[in-house]
Amino acid sequence: MPKLVKYLGITLLAALLAACDGKKDDNAGHAGHDAPAAQAASQTISLLSGNIAFTLPADMHDQSGKVGSQSNNMHVYANDNGQRAVIVILGDSSNETLPVLTQRLEDQQRARDANLQVVTNKAVEINGHALQQLDSISNSGSGKQVYSSVLLGNVANQLLTLQITLPADNQQAAQTEAESIIRTLTLK
């Protein structure tokens, strides 16, 4: 149980660090919304010996060495300015139900931001795997809003935490982009 809380905490910390990178905003942070051709190019990510695969926009690169590593089962993909990120953590399987874990995650987020807005908290199924999806909008340390979509589920005897963090300047665009990544997720 303490490991689970540690992994969830690391996920939130990494997402907030990516969102609050301190680099000034530029058009590259909005390229996915302004240039449809940029989204046409993509890259497929495969983890856990192919048990987890998903597709990311071409402008998101592996940043795992900066925040996590293969040895701690944390994988970070972000664009150049760090405003858009996907974080994957593979932790120890938990006996707690996914709704309980998701509620704990929501409580932790709310403790950091009392104005947290939950957009979605629902059960989803991907390739026969039950997952829980928590989408929310919170304020980053710099006062900007951040859209976060987190999927929790058990895959190959490990707890999968996949978090997509995007600027929430345009909530609909952020939600659409997060869903486009989630739609590419395949689990074995």
N, C-alpha and C. Protein backbone atom coordinates (compact mmCIF):
# COMPACT_ATOMS: atom_id res chain seq x y z
N MET A 1 0.80 -1.20 0.00
CA MET A 1 0.00 0.00 0.00
C MET A 1 0.85 1.27 0.00
N PRO A 2 1.91 1.36 0.84
CA PRO A 2 2.73 2.57 0.81
C PRO A 2 3.37 2.78 -0.56
N LYS A 3 3.72 1.68 -1.25
CA LYS A 3 4.31 1.82 -2.58
C LYS A 3 3.32 2.43 -3.55
N LEU A 4 2.06 2.03 -3.44
CA LEU A 4 1.03 2.57 -4.32
C LEU A 4 0.91 4.08 -4.13
N VAL A 5 0.84 4.51 -2.90
CA VAL A 5 0.74 5.94 -2.61
C VAL A 5 1.97 6.66 -3.15
N LYS A 6 3.14 6.03 -2.99
CA LYS A 6 4.39 6.63 -3.49
C LYS A 6 4.32 6.80 -5.00
N TYR A 7 3.86 5.76 -5.70
CA TYR A 7 3.78 5.84 -7.16
C TYR A 7 2.78 6.89 -7.61
N LEU A 8 1.64 6.95 -6.96
CA LEU A 8 0.65 7.96 -7.33
C LEU A 8 1.18 9.36 -7.05
N GLY A 9 1.89 9.52 -5.93
CA GLY A 9 2.48 10.81 -5.60
C GLY A 9 3.53 11.22 -6.61
N ILE A 10 4.35 10.26 -7.04
CA ILE A 10 5.38 10.55 -8.03
C ILE A 10 4.73 10.97 -9.34
N THR A 11 3.64 10.30 -9.70
CA THR A 11 2.93 10.65 -10.93
C THR A 11 2.45 12.09 -10.89
N LEU A 12 1.82 12.46 -9.81
CA LEU A 12 1.31 13.83 -9.71
C LEU A 12 2.45 14.84 -9.68
N LEU A 13 3.51 14.52 -8.97
CA LEU A 13 4.66 15.42 -8.90
C LEU A 13 5.27 15.61 -10.27
N ALA A 14 5.47 14.52 -10.98
CA ALA A 14 6.06 14.62 -12.31
C ALA A 14 5.18 15.42 -13.25
N ALA A 15 3.86 15.21 -13.16
CA ALA A 15 2.95 15.96 -14.02
C ALA A 15 2.99 17.44 -13.70
N LEU A 16 3.00 17.76 -12.43
CA LEU A 16 3.04 19.17 -12.06
C LEU A 16 4.36 19.80 -12.45
N LEU A 17 5.47 19.04 -12.32
CA LEU A 17 6.76 19.57 -12.76
C LEU A 17 6.76 19.83 -14.25
N ALA A 18 6.17 18.92 -15.00
CA ALA A 18 6.11 19.11 -16.44
C ALA A 18 5.26 20.32 -16.80
N ALA A 19 4.15 20.50 -16.09
CA ALA A 19 3.25 21.62 -16.37
C ALA A 19 3.85 22.95 -15.93
N CYS A 20 4.67 22.91 -14.90
CA CYS A 20 5.24 24.13 -14.34
C CYS A 20 6.71 24.26 -14.70
N ASP A 21 7.08 23.77 -15.83
CA ASP A 21 8.47 23.66 -16.23
C ASP A 21 9.25 24.96 -16.10
N GLY A 22 8.57 26.07 -16.15
CA GLY A 22 9.26 27.35 -16.01
C GLY A 22 9.71 27.92 -17.35
N LYS A 23 9.62 27.13 -18.39
CA LYS A 23 9.97 27.65 -19.71
C LYS A 23 8.82 28.51 -20.18
N LYS A 24 9.16 29.58 -20.87
CA LYS A 24 8.09 30.48 -21.30
C LYS A 24 7.23 29.83 -22.38
N ASP A 25 5.98 30.22 -22.40
CA ASP A 25 5.05 29.69 -23.38
C ASP A 25 5.48 30.15 -24.76
N ASP A 26 5.29 29.25 -25.73
CA ASP A 26 5.54 29.61 -27.11
C ASP A 26 4.58 28.83 -27.98
N ASN A 27 4.60 29.09 -29.26
CA ASN A 27 3.66 28.43 -30.15
C ASN A 27 3.88 26.94 -30.23
N ALA A 28 5.06 26.46 -29.89
CA ALA A 28 5.31 25.02 -29.93
C ALA A 28 4.39 24.29 -28.96
N GLY A 29 4.02 24.92 -27.87
CA GLY A 29 3.13 24.31 -26.90
C GLY A 29 1.72 24.12 -27.43
N HIS A 30 1.39 24.84 -28.49
CA HIS A 30 0.05 24.75 -29.05
C HIS A 30 0.08 24.17 -30.45
N ALA A 31 1.22 23.63 -30.88
CA ALA A 31 1.35 23.12 -32.24
C ALA A 31 0.32 22.04 -32.54
N GLY A 32 0.01 21.21 -31.56
CA GLY A 32 -0.94 20.13 -31.78
C GLY A 32 -2.33 20.66 -32.10
N HIS A 33 -2.65 21.85 -31.63
CA HIS A 33 -3.97 22.40 -31.86
C HIS A 33 -4.00 23.31 -33.08
N ASP A 34 -2.87 23.89 -33.43
CA ASP A 34 -2.83 24.84 -34.53
C ASP A 34 -2.42 24.20 -35.85
N ALA A 35 -1.75 23.06 -35.81
CA ALA A 35 -1.23 22.47 -37.03
C ALA A 35 -1.64 21.01 -37.12
N PRO A 36 -2.75 20.72 -37.78
CA PRO A 36 -3.21 19.34 -37.89
C PRO A 36 -2.17 18.42 -38.52
N ALA A 37 -1.33 18.94 -39.41
CA ALA A 37 -0.31 18.12 -40.03
C ALA A 37 0.69 17.61 -38.99
N ALA A 38 0.93 18.39 -37.94
CA ALA A 38 1.86 17.98 -36.90
C ALA A 38 1.32 16.77 -36.15
N GLN A 39 -0.01 16.64 -36.03
CA GLN A 39 -0.58 15.51 -35.35
C GLN A 39 -0.60 14.27 -36.22
N ALA A 40 -0.49 14.45 -37.53
CA ALA A 40 -0.53 13.32 -38.42
C ALA A 40 0.66 12.40 -38.17
N ALA A 41 1.83 12.97 -37.89
CA ALA A 41 2.99 12.17 -37.57
C ALA A 41 2.85 11.72 -36.12
N SER A 42 3.17 10.47 -35.87
CA SER A 42 3.03 9.95 -34.51
C SER A 42 4.06 8.86 -34.27
N GLN A 43 4.13 8.44 -33.02
CA GLN A 43 5.06 7.38 -32.66
C GLN A 43 4.34 6.41 -31.73
N THR A 44 4.62 5.14 -31.92
CA THR A 44 4.01 4.11 -31.08
C THR A 44 4.98 3.74 -29.97
N ILE A 45 4.47 3.72 -28.76
CA ILE A 45 5.24 3.37 -27.57
C ILE A 45 4.78 1.98 -27.12
N SER A 46 5.73 1.11 -26.82
CA SER A 46 5.42 -0.23 -26.35
C SER A 46 6.18 -0.47 -25.05
N LEU A 47 5.45 -0.87 -24.00
CA LEU A 47 6.04 -1.09 -22.69
C LEU A 47 5.64 -2.46 -22.16
N LEU A 48 6.34 -2.91 -21.16
CA LEU A 48 6.04 -4.16 -20.47
C LEU A 48 5.96 -5.31 -21.48
N SER A 49 7.03 -5.44 -22.25
CA SER A 49 7.15 -6.51 -23.27
C SER A 49 5.95 -6.55 -24.21
N GLY A 50 5.45 -5.38 -24.58
CA GLY A 50 4.35 -5.29 -25.52
C GLY A 50 2.97 -5.42 -24.91
N ASN A 51 2.89 -5.59 -23.59
CA ASN A 51 1.58 -5.69 -22.94
C ASN A 51 0.84 -4.36 -22.92
N ILE A 52 1.57 -3.26 -23.06
CA ILE A 52 0.99 -1.92 -23.09
C ILE A 52 1.55 -1.21 -24.32
N ALA A 53 0.67 -0.67 -25.13
CA ALA A 53 1.11 0.10 -26.29
C ALA A 53 0.14 1.26 -26.50
N PHE A 54 0.68 2.38 -26.95
CA PHE A 54 -0.14 3.55 -27.26
C PHE A 54 0.62 4.42 -28.24
N THR A 55 -0.07 5.34 -28.84
CA THR A 55 0.53 6.23 -29.84
C THR A 55 0.51 7.65 -29.32
N LEU A 56 1.65 8.33 -29.51
CA LEU A 56 1.81 9.71 -29.07
C LEU A 56 2.05 10.62 -30.27
N PRO A 57 1.71 11.89 -30.12
CA PRO A 57 2.07 12.85 -31.17
C PRO A 57 3.60 12.88 -31.33
N ALA A 58 4.06 13.18 -32.52
CA ALA A 58 5.49 13.15 -32.82
C ALA A 58 6.30 14.12 -31.98
N ASP A 59 5.68 15.20 -31.48
CA ASP A 59 6.45 16.19 -30.73
C ASP A 59 6.69 15.79 -29.27
N MET A 60 6.15 14.66 -28.84
CA MET A 60 6.40 14.17 -27.48
C MET A 60 7.56 13.18 -27.53
N HIS A 61 8.59 13.47 -26.74
CA HIS A 61 9.79 12.65 -26.74
C HIS A 61 10.01 12.01 -25.38
N ASP A 62 10.75 10.93 -25.37
CA ASP A 62 11.04 10.23 -24.13
C ASP A 62 11.90 11.11 -23.24
N GLN A 63 11.39 11.45 -22.07
CA GLN A 63 12.09 12.28 -21.09
C GLN A 63 12.35 11.48 -19.81
N SER A 64 12.26 10.16 -19.89
CA SER A 64 12.34 9.31 -18.71
C SER A 64 13.63 9.49 -17.92
N GLY A 65 14.72 9.72 -18.59
CA GLY A 65 16.00 9.88 -17.90
C GLY A 65 16.05 11.11 -17.02
N LYS A 66 15.20 12.10 -17.29
CA LYS A 66 15.19 13.34 -16.51
C LYS A 66 14.39 13.21 -15.23
N VAL A 67 13.35 12.36 -15.21
CA VAL A 67 12.48 12.26 -14.05
C VAL A 67 12.46 10.84 -13.47
N GLY A 68 12.43 9.86 -14.31
CA GLY A 68 12.37 8.47 -13.86
C GLY A 68 13.34 7.64 -14.67
N SER A 69 13.20 6.35 -14.57
CA SER A 69 14.07 5.47 -15.34
C SER A 69 13.39 4.13 -15.55
N GLN A 70 13.97 3.33 -16.41
CA GLN A 70 13.45 1.99 -16.63
C GLN A 70 13.48 1.20 -15.32
N SER A 71 14.48 1.46 -14.48
CA SER A 71 14.63 0.68 -13.26
C SER A 71 13.51 0.94 -12.26
N ASN A 72 12.91 2.12 -12.27
CA ASN A 72 11.80 2.36 -11.35
C ASN A 72 10.45 2.31 -12.06
N ASN A 73 10.44 1.79 -13.29
CA ASN A 73 9.21 1.59 -14.05
C ASN A 73 8.40 2.85 -14.25
N MET A 74 9.07 3.98 -14.39
CA MET A 74 8.40 5.25 -14.67
C MET A 74 8.89 5.74 -16.03
N HIS A 75 7.96 6.03 -16.90
CA HIS A 75 8.28 6.48 -18.25
C HIS A 75 7.59 7.82 -18.47
N VAL A 76 8.35 8.81 -18.94
CA VAL A 76 7.83 10.16 -19.13
C VAL A 76 8.08 10.57 -20.59
N TYR A 77 7.03 11.05 -21.22
CA TYR A 77 7.11 11.55 -22.59
C TYR A 77 6.53 12.96 -22.56
N ALA A 78 7.27 13.91 -23.13
CA ALA A 78 6.81 15.30 -23.08
C ALA A 78 7.25 16.04 -24.33
N ASN A 79 6.57 17.16 -24.60
CA ASN A 79 7.01 18.01 -25.69
C ASN A 79 8.18 18.85 -25.20
N ASP A 80 8.77 19.64 -26.09
CA ASP A 80 10.00 20.37 -25.76
C ASP A 80 9.85 21.35 -24.61
N ASN A 81 8.70 21.99 -24.47
CA ASN A 81 8.55 22.95 -23.38
C ASN A 81 7.94 22.33 -22.12
N GLY A 82 7.65 21.03 -22.15
CA GLY A 82 7.16 20.32 -20.97
C GLY A 82 5.72 20.59 -20.60
N GLN A 83 4.98 21.30 -21.44
CA GLN A 83 3.59 21.60 -21.10
C GLN A 83 2.65 20.45 -21.40
N ARG A 84 3.03 19.57 -22.30
CA ARG A 84 2.22 18.41 -22.65
C ARG A 84 3.03 17.18 -22.30
N ALA A 85 2.47 16.30 -21.48
CA ALA A 85 3.23 15.14 -21.03
C ALA A 85 2.33 13.91 -20.87
N VAL A 86 2.95 12.76 -21.04
CA VAL A 86 2.32 11.48 -20.75
C VAL A 86 3.28 10.75 -19.83
N ILE A 87 2.76 10.33 -18.67
CA ILE A 87 3.58 9.65 -17.67
C ILE A 87 2.97 8.27 -17.44
N VAL A 88 3.81 7.25 -17.51
CA VAL A 88 3.36 5.88 -17.28
C VAL A 88 4.16 5.32 -16.12
N ILE A 89 3.45 4.80 -15.12
CA ILE A 89 4.10 4.16 -13.99
C ILE A 89 3.53 2.75 -13.87
N LEU A 90 4.44 1.79 -13.76
CA LEU A 90 4.05 0.40 -13.53
C LEU A 90 4.47 0.05 -12.12
N GLY A 91 3.49 -0.14 -11.25
CA GLY A 91 3.76 -0.41 -9.85
C GLY A 91 3.28 -1.78 -9.43
N ASP A 92 3.43 -2.06 -8.17
CA ASP A 92 2.96 -3.32 -7.61
C ASP A 92 1.45 -3.38 -7.69
N SER A 93 0.94 -4.54 -8.02
CA SER A 93 -0.51 -4.75 -8.07
C SER A 93 -1.11 -4.48 -6.70
N SER A 94 -2.34 -4.03 -6.70
CA SER A 94 -3.02 -3.69 -5.44
C SER A 94 -4.27 -4.54 -5.27
N ASN A 95 -4.61 -4.86 -4.04
CA ASN A 95 -5.84 -5.59 -3.74
C ASN A 95 -7.04 -4.65 -3.64
N GLU A 96 -6.79 -3.35 -3.61
CA GLU A 96 -7.89 -2.39 -3.51
C GLU A 96 -8.56 -2.24 -4.87
N THR A 97 -9.84 -1.90 -4.83
CA THR A 97 -10.58 -1.74 -6.07
C THR A 97 -10.14 -0.46 -6.79
N LEU A 98 -10.35 -0.44 -8.08
CA LEU A 98 -9.96 0.74 -8.86
C LEU A 98 -10.73 2.00 -8.44
N PRO A 99 -12.03 1.91 -8.13
CA PRO A 99 -12.72 3.12 -7.66
C PRO A 99 -12.11 3.66 -6.35
N VAL A 100 -11.68 2.78 -5.46
CA VAL A 100 -11.07 3.23 -4.20
C VAL A 100 -9.74 3.92 -4.50
N LEU A 101 -8.93 3.34 -5.39
CA LEU A 101 -7.65 3.94 -5.74
C LEU A 101 -7.84 5.29 -6.41
N THR A 102 -8.83 5.37 -7.28
CA THR A 102 -9.11 6.62 -7.99
C THR A 102 -9.61 7.69 -7.03
N GLN A 103 -10.44 7.30 -6.07
CA GLN A 103 -10.92 8.26 -5.08
C GLN A 103 -9.75 8.79 -4.26
N ARG A 104 -8.82 7.91 -3.91
CA ARG A 104 -7.64 8.34 -3.16
C ARG A 104 -6.81 9.33 -3.99
N LEU A 105 -6.67 9.04 -5.28
CA LEU A 105 -5.95 9.96 -6.16
C LEU A 105 -6.65 11.31 -6.23
N GLU A 106 -7.97 11.29 -6.37
CA GLU A 106 -8.74 12.55 -6.40
C GLU A 106 -8.56 13.31 -5.09
N ASP A 107 -8.59 12.61 -3.97
CA ASP A 107 -8.42 13.26 -2.67
C ASP A 107 -7.04 13.91 -2.56
N GLN A 108 -6.01 13.22 -3.08
CA GLN A 108 -4.66 13.79 -3.06
C GLN A 108 -4.58 15.04 -3.93
N GLN A 109 -5.22 14.99 -5.10
CA GLN A 109 -5.22 16.15 -5.98
C GLN A 109 -5.97 17.32 -5.32
N ARG A 110 -7.09 17.01 -4.68
CA ARG A 110 -7.89 18.05 -4.04
C ARG A 110 -7.13 18.67 -2.86
N ALA A 111 -6.30 17.87 -2.19
CA ALA A 111 -5.49 18.41 -1.08
C ALA A 111 -4.48 19.43 -1.60
N ARG A 112 -4.02 19.26 -2.84
CA ARG A 112 -3.08 20.21 -3.45
C ARG A 112 -3.79 21.41 -4.06
N ASP A 113 -5.04 21.20 -4.50
CA ASP A 113 -5.79 22.26 -5.16
C ASP A 113 -7.26 22.15 -4.77
N ALA A 114 -7.69 23.00 -3.86
CA ALA A 114 -9.07 22.94 -3.37
C ALA A 114 -10.08 23.23 -4.48
N ASN A 115 -9.64 23.88 -5.57
CA ASN A 115 -10.52 24.21 -6.68
C ASN A 115 -10.51 23.15 -7.78
N LEU A 116 -10.02 21.96 -7.48
CA LEU A 116 -9.98 20.88 -8.45
C LEU A 116 -11.36 20.65 -9.05
N GLN A 117 -11.43 20.55 -10.36
CA GLN A 117 -12.69 20.26 -11.05
C GLN A 117 -12.60 18.87 -11.63
N VAL A 118 -13.43 17.95 -11.17
CA VAL A 118 -13.45 16.60 -11.74
C VAL A 118 -14.36 16.63 -12.96
N VAL A 119 -13.79 16.27 -14.10
CA VAL A 119 -14.53 16.24 -15.36
C VAL A 119 -15.17 14.87 -15.55
N THR A 120 -14.39 13.82 -15.27
CA THR A 120 -14.85 12.45 -15.46
C THR A 120 -14.24 11.56 -14.39
N ASN A 121 -15.04 10.67 -13.84
CA ASN A 121 -14.54 9.60 -12.99
C ASN A 121 -15.40 8.40 -13.33
N LYS A 122 -14.88 7.54 -14.19
CA LYS A 122 -15.71 6.45 -14.71
C LYS A 122 -14.89 5.19 -14.95
N ALA A 123 -15.60 4.07 -14.95
CA ALA A 123 -14.98 2.80 -15.30
C ALA A 123 -14.94 2.69 -16.82
N VAL A 124 -13.83 2.21 -17.35
CA VAL A 124 -13.70 1.98 -18.78
C VAL A 124 -13.10 0.59 -18.98
N GLU A 125 -13.27 0.06 -20.16
CA GLU A 125 -12.69 -1.24 -20.49
C GLU A 125 -11.88 -1.11 -21.76
N ILE A 126 -10.65 -1.61 -21.72
CA ILE A 126 -9.79 -1.59 -22.90
C ILE A 126 -9.23 -2.99 -23.07
N ASN A 127 -9.54 -3.59 -24.20
CA ASN A 127 -9.09 -4.94 -24.52
C ASN A 127 -9.37 -5.93 -23.39
N GLY A 128 -10.54 -5.84 -22.79
CA GLY A 128 -10.93 -6.75 -21.73
C GLY A 128 -10.37 -6.42 -20.36
N HIS A 129 -9.61 -5.35 -20.24
CA HIS A 129 -9.04 -4.92 -18.96
C HIS A 129 -9.91 -3.81 -18.37
N ALA A 130 -10.31 -3.99 -17.12
CA ALA A 130 -11.08 -2.97 -16.43
C ALA A 130 -10.13 -1.88 -15.95
N LEU A 131 -10.46 -0.64 -16.26
CA LEU A 131 -9.68 0.52 -15.84
C LEU A 131 -10.61 1.55 -15.24
N GLN A 132 -10.04 2.46 -14.50
CA GLN A 132 -10.79 3.60 -13.97
C GLN A 132 -10.15 4.86 -14.54
N GLN A 133 -10.97 5.76 -15.06
CA GLN A 133 -10.47 7.00 -15.67
C GLN A 133 -10.91 8.19 -14.84
N LEU A 134 -9.93 9.02 -14.47
CA LEU A 134 -10.20 10.24 -13.71
C LEU A 134 -9.65 11.41 -14.52
N ASP A 135 -10.54 12.26 -15.01
CA ASP A 135 -10.15 13.46 -15.74
C ASP A 135 -10.45 14.65 -14.85
N SER A 136 -9.50 15.58 -14.77
CA SER A 136 -9.69 16.74 -13.89
C SER A 136 -8.97 17.95 -14.44
N ILE A 137 -9.35 19.09 -13.89
CA ILE A 137 -8.67 20.35 -14.20
C ILE A 137 -8.22 20.93 -12.86
N SER A 138 -6.94 21.27 -12.81
CA SER A 138 -6.40 21.84 -11.57
C SER A 138 -5.53 23.03 -11.93
N ASN A 139 -5.14 23.77 -10.92
CA ASN A 139 -4.26 24.91 -11.12
C ASN A 139 -2.82 24.48 -10.87
N SER A 140 -1.94 24.86 -11.77
CA SER A 140 -0.51 24.57 -11.58
C SER A 140 0.06 25.61 -10.62
N GLY A 141 1.29 25.41 -10.22
CA GLY A 141 1.93 26.34 -9.31
C GLY A 141 2.06 27.74 -9.89
N SER A 142 2.07 27.84 -11.22
CA SER A 142 2.20 29.15 -11.87
C SER A 142 0.85 29.81 -12.12
N GLY A 143 -0.23 29.17 -11.64
CA GLY A 143 -1.55 29.76 -11.79
C GLY A 143 -2.28 29.37 -13.06
N LYS A 144 -1.64 28.61 -13.92
CA LYS A 144 -2.29 28.17 -15.15
C LYS A 144 -3.09 26.90 -14.87
N GLN A 145 -4.13 26.69 -15.65
CA GLN A 145 -4.93 25.49 -15.49
C GLN A 145 -4.33 24.34 -16.29
N VAL A 146 -4.40 23.14 -15.68
CA VAL A 146 -3.84 21.93 -16.28
C VAL A 146 -4.94 20.89 -16.38
N TYR A 147 -5.08 20.30 -17.55
CA TYR A 147 -6.03 19.20 -17.75
C TYR A 147 -5.28 17.90 -17.54
N SER A 148 -5.82 17.00 -16.75
CA SER A 148 -5.17 15.74 -16.45
C SER A 148 -6.16 14.60 -16.66
N SER A 149 -5.72 13.59 -17.40
CA SER A 149 -6.51 12.38 -17.59
C SER A 149 -5.67 11.22 -17.08
N VAL A 150 -6.17 10.52 -16.05
CA VAL A 150 -5.43 9.43 -15.44
C VAL A 150 -6.21 8.13 -15.61
N LEU A 151 -5.52 7.10 -16.09
CA LEU A 151 -6.11 5.76 -16.17
C LEU A 151 -5.39 4.87 -15.17
N LEU A 152 -6.15 4.14 -14.37
CA LEU A 152 -5.59 3.18 -13.42
C LEU A 152 -6.16 1.81 -13.75
N GLY A 153 -5.29 0.79 -13.74
CA GLY A 153 -5.77 -0.57 -13.97
C GLY A 153 -4.66 -1.57 -13.77
N ASN A 154 -5.04 -2.83 -13.65
CA ASN A 154 -4.06 -3.90 -13.49
C ASN A 154 -3.79 -4.54 -14.84
N VAL A 155 -2.50 -4.59 -15.21
CA VAL A 155 -2.06 -5.17 -16.46
C VAL A 155 -0.83 -6.02 -16.17
N ALA A 156 -0.87 -7.27 -16.57
CA ALA A 156 0.27 -8.18 -16.39
C ALA A 156 0.76 -8.18 -14.95
N ASN A 157 -0.17 -8.30 -14.01
CA ASN A 157 0.14 -8.34 -12.58
C ASN A 157 0.84 -7.09 -12.05
N GLN A 158 0.62 -5.96 -12.71
CA GLN A 158 1.16 -4.69 -12.24
C GLN A 158 0.06 -3.64 -12.31
N LEU A 159 0.16 -2.67 -11.43
CA LEU A 159 -0.78 -1.55 -11.45
C LEU A 159 -0.27 -0.53 -12.45
N LEU A 160 -1.06 -0.29 -13.48
CA LEU A 160 -0.74 0.70 -14.50
C LEU A 160 -1.34 2.03 -14.12
N THR A 161 -0.52 3.07 -14.11
CA THR A 161 -1.00 4.44 -13.96
C THR A 161 -0.53 5.18 -15.21
N LEU A 162 -1.47 5.63 -16.02
CA LEU A 162 -1.14 6.40 -17.21
C LEU A 162 -1.78 7.77 -17.05
N GLN A 163 -0.94 8.81 -17.02
CA GLN A 163 -1.45 10.16 -16.84
C GLN A 163 -1.08 11.02 -18.04
N ILE A 164 -2.07 11.67 -18.59
CA ILE A 164 -1.88 12.61 -19.69
C ILE A 164 -2.13 14.00 -19.12
N THR A 165 -1.14 14.89 -19.24
CA THR A 165 -1.25 16.24 -18.70
C THR A 165 -1.10 17.24 -19.83
N LEU A 166 -2.05 18.14 -19.95
CA LEU A 166 -2.08 19.11 -21.04
C LEU A 166 -2.51 20.48 -20.51
N PRO A 167 -2.10 21.56 -21.18
CA PRO A 167 -2.60 22.88 -20.78
C PRO A 167 -4.12 22.90 -20.95
N ALA A 168 -4.82 23.54 -20.04
CA ALA A 168 -6.28 23.58 -20.09
C ALA A 168 -6.79 24.93 -20.56
N ASP A 169 -5.98 25.67 -21.32
CA ASP A 169 -6.44 26.94 -21.87
C ASP A 169 -7.75 26.73 -22.62
N ASN A 170 -7.81 25.64 -23.37
CA ASN A 170 -9.00 25.26 -24.11
C ASN A 170 -9.36 23.85 -23.64
N GLN A 171 -10.30 23.75 -22.69
CA GLN A 171 -10.62 22.46 -22.09
C GLN A 171 -11.06 21.44 -23.13
N GLN A 172 -11.87 21.84 -24.08
CA GLN A 172 -12.36 20.90 -25.09
C GLN A 172 -11.22 20.35 -25.93
N ALA A 173 -10.29 21.21 -26.32
CA ALA A 173 -9.15 20.76 -27.12
C ALA A 173 -8.26 19.81 -26.30
N ALA A 174 -8.05 20.13 -25.02
CA ALA A 174 -7.24 19.26 -24.16
C ALA A 174 -7.92 17.90 -23.99
N GLN A 175 -9.23 17.92 -23.77
CA GLN A 175 -9.97 16.67 -23.58
C GLN A 175 -9.93 15.84 -24.86
N THR A 176 -10.07 16.47 -25.99
CA THR A 176 -10.02 15.77 -27.28
C THR A 176 -8.65 15.15 -27.50
N GLU A 177 -7.58 15.90 -27.19
CA GLU A 177 -6.23 15.38 -27.37
C GLU A 177 -5.96 14.20 -26.44
N ALA A 178 -6.39 14.31 -25.18
CA ALA A 178 -6.21 13.20 -24.23
C ALA A 178 -6.97 11.96 -24.72
N GLU A 179 -8.20 12.14 -25.15
CA GLU A 179 -8.99 11.01 -25.64
C GLU A 179 -8.36 10.38 -26.89
N SER A 180 -7.74 11.21 -27.73
CA SER A 180 -7.11 10.65 -28.93
C SER A 180 -5.93 9.74 -28.56
N ILE A 181 -5.23 10.06 -27.50
CA ILE A 181 -4.14 9.19 -27.02
C ILE A 181 -4.73 7.94 -26.38
N ILE A 182 -5.76 8.10 -25.55
CA ILE A 182 -6.38 6.95 -24.88
C ILE A 182 -6.95 5.97 -25.88
N ARG A 183 -7.53 6.47 -26.97
CA ARG A 183 -8.11 5.59 -28.00
C ARG A 183 -7.07 4.68 -28.64
N THR A 184 -5.80 5.08 -28.61
CA THR A 184 -4.75 4.24 -29.22
C THR A 184 -4.22 3.20 -28.25
N LEU A 185 -4.60 3.26 -26.98
CA LEU A 185 -4.09 2.35 -25.96
C LEU A 185 -4.55 0.93 -26.22
N THR A 186 -3.60 -0.01 -26.24
CA THR A 186 -3.92 -1.42 -26.33
C THR A 186 -3.24 -2.13 -25.17
N LEU A 187 -3.96 -3.07 -24.57
CA LEU A 187 -3.46 -3.81 -23.43
C LEU A 187 -3.59 -5.31 -23.70
N LYS A 188 -2.58 -6.05 -23.28
CA LYS A 188 -2.63 -7.52 -23.46
C LYS A 188 -2.63 -8.19 -22.12
